[in-house]
Amino acid sequence: MADWTALLTAARAERLLGTLACRLDSRAVPASVARILADARAGADEERRAALWEAEMARRALAPLGIPVVLLKGTAFVAAGLDAGQGRSIGDLDILVPREALGEAEAALRATGWEWVKENAYDDSYYRRWMHELPPLIHRDRDRMIDVHHTILPPTARPTPDAAALLAGAVLLGNGLSVLSNEDIIIHAVAHLFADGDLSGGLRNLWDIDRLIREFDGESFWVRLQERAERHDLRPAVERAARQANDLYGTPIPKRWRVWDSGDPLIKRRLLARDGWGRQGYPFTRLYFFVRSHWMRMPPLMLAKHLWTKAIRKPA
């Protein structure tokens, strides 16, 4: 039972409990574990329904504009019926729209009940000038957040994905919404994991990548993925994610992609930082990746100004 406790605690901390529950469905497990897993499956089903309803509400709000609306992340997985959506924990609704339509999209959402979260003038200005999305919005009745993206990484980040290509390659779902192409949906998961954060929650993001690769793998898939990754300036990150997924989850990847570089062991250490109680260990490793995440997002002078402003700013 100590091993089960450690597994369930870590899975919950990494937001993988619903996924684990689906993987172990119909397997023989201790009765106390079965109850926990049943609750996790029920919770994942509820999150799935809520996510799809929120996507429909956004579709209704934005439909009069006639602009492309592309679902991202967990909501995209469940809306498209992908394996990565099985048991997937889903929080905010993330969508991608053309940058030139951001103002119209924001106005339409605010007119139908979404409100600003970032009330501080600096934070609001920072999002609008430097981020890859609008300041987050929350619905006043449903208490659900939406992140409206115009690309998948901040414009100040080192890699520069092709937002127009992401939108042009999107696949219609038949309900007025779309999802990214097979290759781009993997590349976005990789960008979110390696180029837009400190690897917090990395095991879940890496599991998404494993599931997506397994589902899309086929003739010429790896050639298309490599070409698309190069177009989005993310080929090294895609290859690194594939190596990590292969090492931790046994993800099938080409042999030529399996050669580790000097940074891979440190990334693995960060991904596996939790102990049997779900607590984060390796504080210096986590600090390194926290600093790295900011360094990758901004040039040095801009980063220094931003951190200084956040440090001295008084609450609004």
Protein backbone atom coordinates (compact mmCIF):
# COMPACT_ATOMS: atom_id res chain seq x y z
CA MET A 1 0.00 0.00 0.00
CA ALA A 2 2.92 2.35 0.55
CA ASP A 3 3.77 2.00 -3.14
CA TRP A 4 0.16 2.69 -4.13
CA THR A 5 0.12 5.76 -1.88
CA ALA A 6 3.28 7.12 -3.47
CA LEU A 7 1.97 6.47 -6.98
CA LEU A 8 -1.43 8.05 -6.39
CA THR A 9 0.03 11.03 -4.55
CA ALA A 10 2.53 11.77 -7.30
CA ALA A 11 -0.11 11.28 -10.00
CA ARG A 12 -2.44 13.70 -8.24
CA ALA A 13 0.33 16.27 -7.79
CA GLU A 14 1.24 16.02 -11.49
CA ARG A 15 -2.44 16.20 -12.55
CA LEU A 16 -2.18 12.70 -14.00
CA LEU A 17 -4.57 10.90 -11.65
CA GLY A 18 -7.44 10.81 -14.16
CA THR A 19 -5.08 9.53 -16.83
CA LEU A 20 -3.76 6.84 -14.49
CA ALA A 21 -7.33 5.88 -13.59
CA CYS A 22 -8.20 5.37 -17.26
CA ARG A 23 -5.04 3.34 -17.82
CA LEU A 24 -5.89 1.06 -14.90
CA ASP A 25 -9.59 0.73 -15.70
CA SER A 26 -10.69 -2.93 -15.50
CA ARG A 27 -7.37 -3.92 -13.89
CA ALA A 28 -7.31 -5.71 -10.55
CA VAL A 29 -6.33 -3.20 -7.86
CA PRO A 30 -6.92 -3.02 -4.08
CA ALA A 31 -10.45 -1.96 -3.14
CA SER A 32 -9.30 1.30 -1.54
CA VAL A 33 -7.32 2.17 -4.67
CA ALA A 34 -10.26 1.27 -6.89
CA ARG A 35 -12.46 3.81 -5.10
CA ILE A 36 -9.87 6.56 -5.59
CA LEU A 37 -9.49 5.70 -9.26
CA ALA A 38 -13.26 5.60 -9.79
CA ASP A 39 -13.55 9.08 -8.30
CA ALA A 40 -10.71 10.26 -10.55
CA ARG A 41 -12.45 8.89 -13.65
CA ALA A 42 -15.69 10.58 -12.66
CA GLY A 43 -13.83 13.85 -12.08
CA ALA A 44 -12.12 13.59 -15.47
CA ASP A 45 -15.48 12.96 -17.16
CA GLU A 46 -16.92 16.05 -15.49
CA GLU A 47 -13.93 18.16 -16.55
CA ARG A 48 -14.36 16.87 -20.10
CA ARG A 49 -18.04 17.90 -20.19
CA ALA A 50 -17.28 21.30 -18.68
CA ALA A 51 -14.45 21.90 -21.15
CA LEU A 52 -16.58 21.03 -24.17
CA TRP A 53 -19.42 23.23 -22.93
CA GLU A 54 -17.02 26.13 -22.40
CA ALA A 55 -15.69 25.65 -25.93
CA GLU A 56 -19.26 25.78 -27.23
CA MET A 57 -19.93 28.97 -25.29
CA ALA A 58 -16.83 30.56 -26.80
CA ARG A 59 -17.90 29.41 -30.25
CA ARG A 60 -21.30 31.06 -29.83
CA ALA A 61 -19.71 34.28 -28.64
CA LEU A 62 -17.23 34.45 -31.51
CA ALA A 63 -19.34 33.00 -34.34
CA PRO A 64 -20.68 36.39 -35.51
CA LEU A 65 -17.11 37.55 -36.16
CA GLY A 66 -16.47 34.88 -38.78
CA ILE A 67 -12.86 34.39 -37.65
CA PRO A 68 -10.99 31.10 -37.25
CA VAL A 69 -11.19 29.75 -33.67
CA VAL A 70 -8.72 26.94 -32.94
CA LEU A 71 -8.94 24.92 -29.73
CA LEU A 72 -5.66 24.25 -27.93
CA LYS A 73 -4.31 21.86 -25.27
CA GLY A 74 -6.65 19.61 -23.29
CA THR A 75 -9.90 20.92 -24.75
CA ALA A 76 -8.57 20.25 -28.24
CA PHE A 77 -7.68 16.68 -27.27
CA VAL A 78 -11.15 15.83 -26.00
CA ALA A 79 -12.99 17.75 -28.74
CA ALA A 80 -11.05 15.84 -31.41
CA GLY A 81 -11.46 12.50 -29.61
CA LEU A 82 -7.70 11.98 -29.27
CA ASP A 83 -6.09 9.41 -26.98
CA ALA A 84 -4.35 12.26 -25.16
CA GLY A 85 -7.77 13.34 -23.91
CA GLN A 86 -8.45 10.11 -22.00
CA GLY A 87 -8.66 11.11 -18.35
CA ARG A 88 -6.91 14.39 -19.16
CA SER A 89 -7.04 17.09 -16.50
CA ILE A 90 -8.40 20.26 -18.14
CA GLY A 91 -8.32 23.70 -16.58
CA ASP A 92 -8.62 26.87 -18.64
CA LEU A 93 -10.01 27.02 -22.16
CA ASP A 94 -7.22 27.95 -24.59
CA ILE A 95 -8.00 29.14 -28.09
CA LEU A 96 -5.97 30.54 -31.00
CA VAL A 97 -7.27 33.38 -33.18
CA PRO A 98 -5.57 35.66 -35.73
CA ARG A 99 -3.64 38.49 -34.10
CA GLU A 100 -5.52 41.11 -36.10
CA ALA A 101 -8.79 39.78 -34.65
CA LEU A 102 -7.75 40.00 -30.98
CA GLY A 103 -9.65 43.22 -30.32
CA GLU A 104 -12.88 41.94 -31.85
CA ALA A 105 -12.57 38.61 -30.06
CA GLU A 106 -11.99 40.28 -26.69
CA ALA A 107 -14.95 42.60 -27.17
CA ALA A 108 -17.24 39.72 -28.15
CA LEU A 109 -16.21 37.63 -25.15
CA ARG A 110 -16.63 40.53 -22.72
CA ALA A 111 -20.06 41.22 -24.15
CA THR A 112 -21.11 37.65 -23.31
CA GLY A 113 -19.94 37.49 -19.71
CA TRP A 114 -16.15 37.18 -19.61
CA GLU A 115 -14.28 39.69 -17.45
CA TRP A 116 -10.68 40.75 -16.98
CA VAL A 117 -8.59 38.94 -14.36
CA LYS A 118 -5.49 41.15 -14.48
CA GLU A 119 -6.68 44.37 -12.87
CA ASN A 120 -3.18 45.77 -12.39
CA ALA A 121 -2.28 48.20 -15.18
CA TYR A 122 1.30 46.90 -15.51
CA ASP A 123 0.20 43.27 -15.87
CA ASP A 124 -2.47 44.20 -18.39
CA SER A 125 -0.02 46.24 -20.45
CA TYR A 126 2.65 43.55 -20.24
CA TYR A 127 0.29 40.89 -21.63
CA ARG A 128 -0.91 43.06 -24.47
CA ARG A 129 2.54 44.21 -25.53
CA TRP A 130 4.78 41.23 -24.91
CA MET A 131 2.79 38.02 -24.46
CA HIS A 132 1.39 35.52 -26.94
CA GLU A 133 -2.12 35.92 -25.52
CA LEU A 134 -4.55 38.44 -24.14
CA PRO A 135 -4.75 38.96 -20.39
CA PRO A 136 -6.80 36.00 -19.07
CA LEU A 137 -10.56 36.39 -18.88
CA ILE A 138 -12.96 34.67 -16.46
CA HIS A 139 -16.70 34.19 -16.92
CA ARG A 140 -18.67 35.93 -14.22
CA ASP A 141 -21.33 33.18 -13.99
CA ARG A 142 -19.47 29.95 -14.76
CA ASP A 143 -16.16 30.91 -13.09
CA ARG A 144 -14.21 29.44 -16.02
CA MET A 145 -11.16 31.09 -17.54
CA ILE A 146 -10.28 31.54 -21.19
CA ASP A 147 -6.85 32.32 -22.65
CA VAL A 148 -7.03 33.86 -26.11
CA HIS A 149 -3.76 33.24 -27.97
CA HIS A 150 -2.51 34.80 -31.18
CA THR A 151 0.53 32.49 -31.31
CA ILE A 152 2.03 29.75 -29.11
CA LEU A 153 5.10 31.49 -27.64
CA PRO A 154 5.75 35.07 -26.52
CA PRO A 155 7.04 37.28 -29.36
CA THR A 156 10.11 37.98 -27.20
CA ALA A 157 11.00 34.27 -26.88
CA ARG A 158 14.02 32.82 -28.68
CA PRO A 159 12.03 30.46 -31.00
CA THR A 160 9.55 32.17 -33.32
CA PRO A 161 6.67 29.88 -34.37
CA ASP A 162 4.78 30.74 -37.55
CA ALA A 163 1.33 31.72 -36.26
CA ALA A 164 -0.11 32.10 -39.76
CA ALA A 165 0.97 28.55 -40.62
CA LEU A 166 -0.63 27.24 -37.42
CA LEU A 167 -3.97 28.78 -38.39
CA ALA A 168 -3.70 27.79 -42.05
CA GLY A 169 -2.99 24.16 -41.16
CA ALA A 170 -5.81 23.84 -38.63
CA VAL A 171 -8.37 21.05 -39.09
CA LEU A 172 -12.11 21.77 -38.90
CA LEU A 173 -14.14 19.72 -36.42
CA GLY A 174 -17.47 20.37 -38.12
CA ASN A 175 -18.95 22.51 -35.34
CA GLY A 176 -17.40 25.86 -36.15
CA LEU A 177 -14.24 25.07 -34.20
CA SER A 178 -10.89 23.67 -35.26
CA VAL A 179 -7.80 22.01 -33.82
CA LEU A 180 -4.20 22.25 -34.93
CA SER A 181 -2.85 19.79 -37.49
CA ASN A 182 -1.37 16.53 -36.20
CA GLU A 183 2.18 17.84 -36.39
CA ASP A 184 1.38 21.28 -35.01
CA ILE A 185 -0.56 19.90 -32.04
CA ILE A 186 2.58 17.99 -30.99
CA ILE A 187 4.78 21.02 -31.60
CA HIS A 188 2.52 23.16 -29.42
CA ALA A 189 2.74 20.58 -26.62
CA VAL A 190 6.52 20.68 -26.96
CA ALA A 191 6.59 24.48 -26.94
CA HIS A 192 4.47 24.53 -23.80
CA LEU A 193 6.79 22.02 -22.13
CA PHE A 194 10.26 23.27 -23.04
CA ALA A 195 10.04 26.83 -24.30
CA ASP A 196 7.34 28.44 -22.20
CA GLY A 197 7.82 27.43 -18.57
CA ASP A 198 9.92 25.86 -15.83
CA LEU A 199 8.84 22.24 -16.56
CA SER A 200 6.31 22.31 -13.73
CA GLY A 201 3.71 19.71 -14.68
CA GLY A 202 6.14 18.35 -17.23
CA LEU A 203 5.20 14.70 -16.79
CA ARG A 204 1.63 15.43 -17.90
CA ASN A 205 2.82 17.46 -20.90
CA LEU A 206 5.25 14.70 -21.83
CA TRP A 207 2.45 12.14 -21.53
CA ASP A 208 0.41 14.25 -23.98
CA ILE A 209 3.32 14.09 -26.40
CA ASP A 210 3.65 10.31 -25.99
CA ARG A 211 -0.06 9.76 -26.69
CA LEU A 212 -0.07 12.10 -29.69
CA ILE A 213 3.02 10.53 -31.25
CA ARG A 214 1.61 7.02 -30.83
CA GLU A 215 -1.68 8.03 -32.40
CA PHE A 216 -0.21 9.94 -35.35
CA ASP A 217 2.83 7.72 -36.04
CA GLY A 218 2.81 6.34 -39.56
CA GLU A 219 4.28 6.61 -43.01
CA SER A 220 6.20 9.88 -43.51
CA PHE A 221 5.01 11.18 -40.10
CA TRP A 222 8.51 11.83 -38.78
CA VAL A 223 9.53 13.64 -41.96
CA ARG A 224 6.48 15.90 -41.73
CA LEU A 225 7.04 16.50 -38.01
CA GLN A 226 10.68 17.45 -38.58
CA GLU A 227 9.81 19.80 -41.44
CA ARG A 228 7.04 21.44 -39.44
CA ALA A 229 9.26 21.80 -36.36
CA GLU A 230 11.88 23.56 -38.48
CA ARG A 231 9.24 25.94 -39.83
CA HIS A 232 8.27 26.85 -36.27
CA ASP A 233 11.90 27.19 -35.13
CA LEU A 234 11.39 24.35 -32.62
CA ARG A 235 13.16 21.34 -34.07
CA PRO A 236 15.70 20.96 -31.19
CA ALA A 237 12.90 21.15 -28.64
CA VAL A 238 10.78 18.59 -30.52
CA GLU A 239 13.68 16.15 -30.72
CA ARG A 240 14.44 16.65 -27.02
CA ALA A 241 10.82 16.01 -26.06
CA ALA A 242 10.80 12.86 -28.16
CA ARG A 243 13.94 11.60 -26.38
CA GLN A 244 12.48 12.29 -22.94
CA ALA A 245 9.19 10.62 -23.86
CA ASN A 246 11.04 7.61 -25.20
CA ASP A 247 13.08 7.33 -22.01
CA LEU A 248 10.20 7.74 -19.54
CA TYR A 249 7.21 6.32 -21.42
CA GLY A 250 8.76 4.11 -24.08
CA THR A 251 7.46 6.34 -26.87
CA PRO A 252 8.45 4.91 -30.28
CA ILE A 253 10.83 7.33 -32.01
CA PRO A 254 13.42 6.97 -34.80
CA LYS A 255 16.83 5.71 -33.68
CA ARG A 256 18.54 8.83 -34.95
CA TRP A 257 16.47 10.89 -32.46
CA ARG A 258 17.57 8.88 -29.40
CA VAL A 259 21.04 10.37 -28.91
CA TRP A 260 20.98 12.40 -25.70
CA ASP A 261 22.83 15.68 -25.30
CA SER A 262 24.39 17.16 -22.18
CA GLY A 263 21.19 18.88 -21.01
CA ASP A 264 18.90 15.84 -21.11
CA PRO A 265 19.85 14.31 -17.72
CA LEU A 266 19.13 17.59 -15.93
CA ILE A 267 15.74 17.82 -17.62
CA LYS A 268 14.93 14.27 -16.52
CA ARG A 269 15.94 15.18 -12.97
CA ARG A 270 13.52 18.13 -13.04
CA LEU A 271 10.69 16.03 -14.45
CA LEU A 272 11.11 13.43 -11.67
CA ALA A 273 11.54 15.89 -8.81
CA ARG A 274 8.63 14.64 -6.66
CA ASP A 275 9.06 12.27 -3.73
CA GLY A 276 6.64 9.62 -2.45
CA TRP A 277 4.57 12.30 -0.71
CA GLY A 278 4.13 14.37 -3.87
CA ARG A 279 6.51 17.05 -2.62
CA GLN A 280 8.88 18.83 -4.99
CA GLY A 281 12.52 18.07 -4.35
CA TYR A 282 15.78 19.26 -5.93
CA PRO A 283 15.30 22.96 -5.05
CA PHE A 284 18.37 24.18 -6.93
CA THR A 285 17.34 22.26 -10.04
CA ARG A 286 13.88 23.82 -9.86
CA LEU A 287 15.39 27.28 -9.32
CA TYR A 288 17.58 26.79 -12.39
CA PHE A 289 14.58 25.96 -14.57
CA PHE A 290 12.58 28.85 -13.11
CA VAL A 291 15.34 31.28 -14.07
CA ARG A 292 15.76 29.55 -17.42
CA SER A 293 12.05 29.92 -18.23
CA HIS A 294 12.25 33.70 -17.81
CA TRP A 295 15.57 33.91 -19.65
CA MET A 296 14.06 32.11 -22.66
CA ARG A 297 11.07 34.44 -22.71
CA MET A 298 12.84 37.79 -22.63
CA PRO A 299 16.07 39.54 -23.65
CA PRO A 300 18.32 40.33 -20.64
CA LEU A 301 17.51 44.04 -20.27
CA MET A 302 13.80 43.46 -20.64
CA LEU A 303 13.94 40.63 -18.11
CA ALA A 304 15.78 42.79 -15.58
CA LYS A 305 13.24 45.60 -15.96
CA HIS A 306 10.33 43.20 -15.65
CA LEU A 307 11.65 41.49 -12.51
CA TRP A 308 12.49 44.85 -10.94
CA THR A 309 9.01 46.18 -11.65
CA LYS A 310 7.37 43.07 -10.19
CA ALA A 311 9.59 43.23 -7.11
CA ILE A 312 8.92 46.87 -6.19
CA ARG A 313 5.32 47.13 -7.35
CA LYS A 314 2.78 47.55 -4.59
CA PRO A 315 -0.51 45.65 -4.77
CA ALA A 316 -3.15 47.43 -6.83
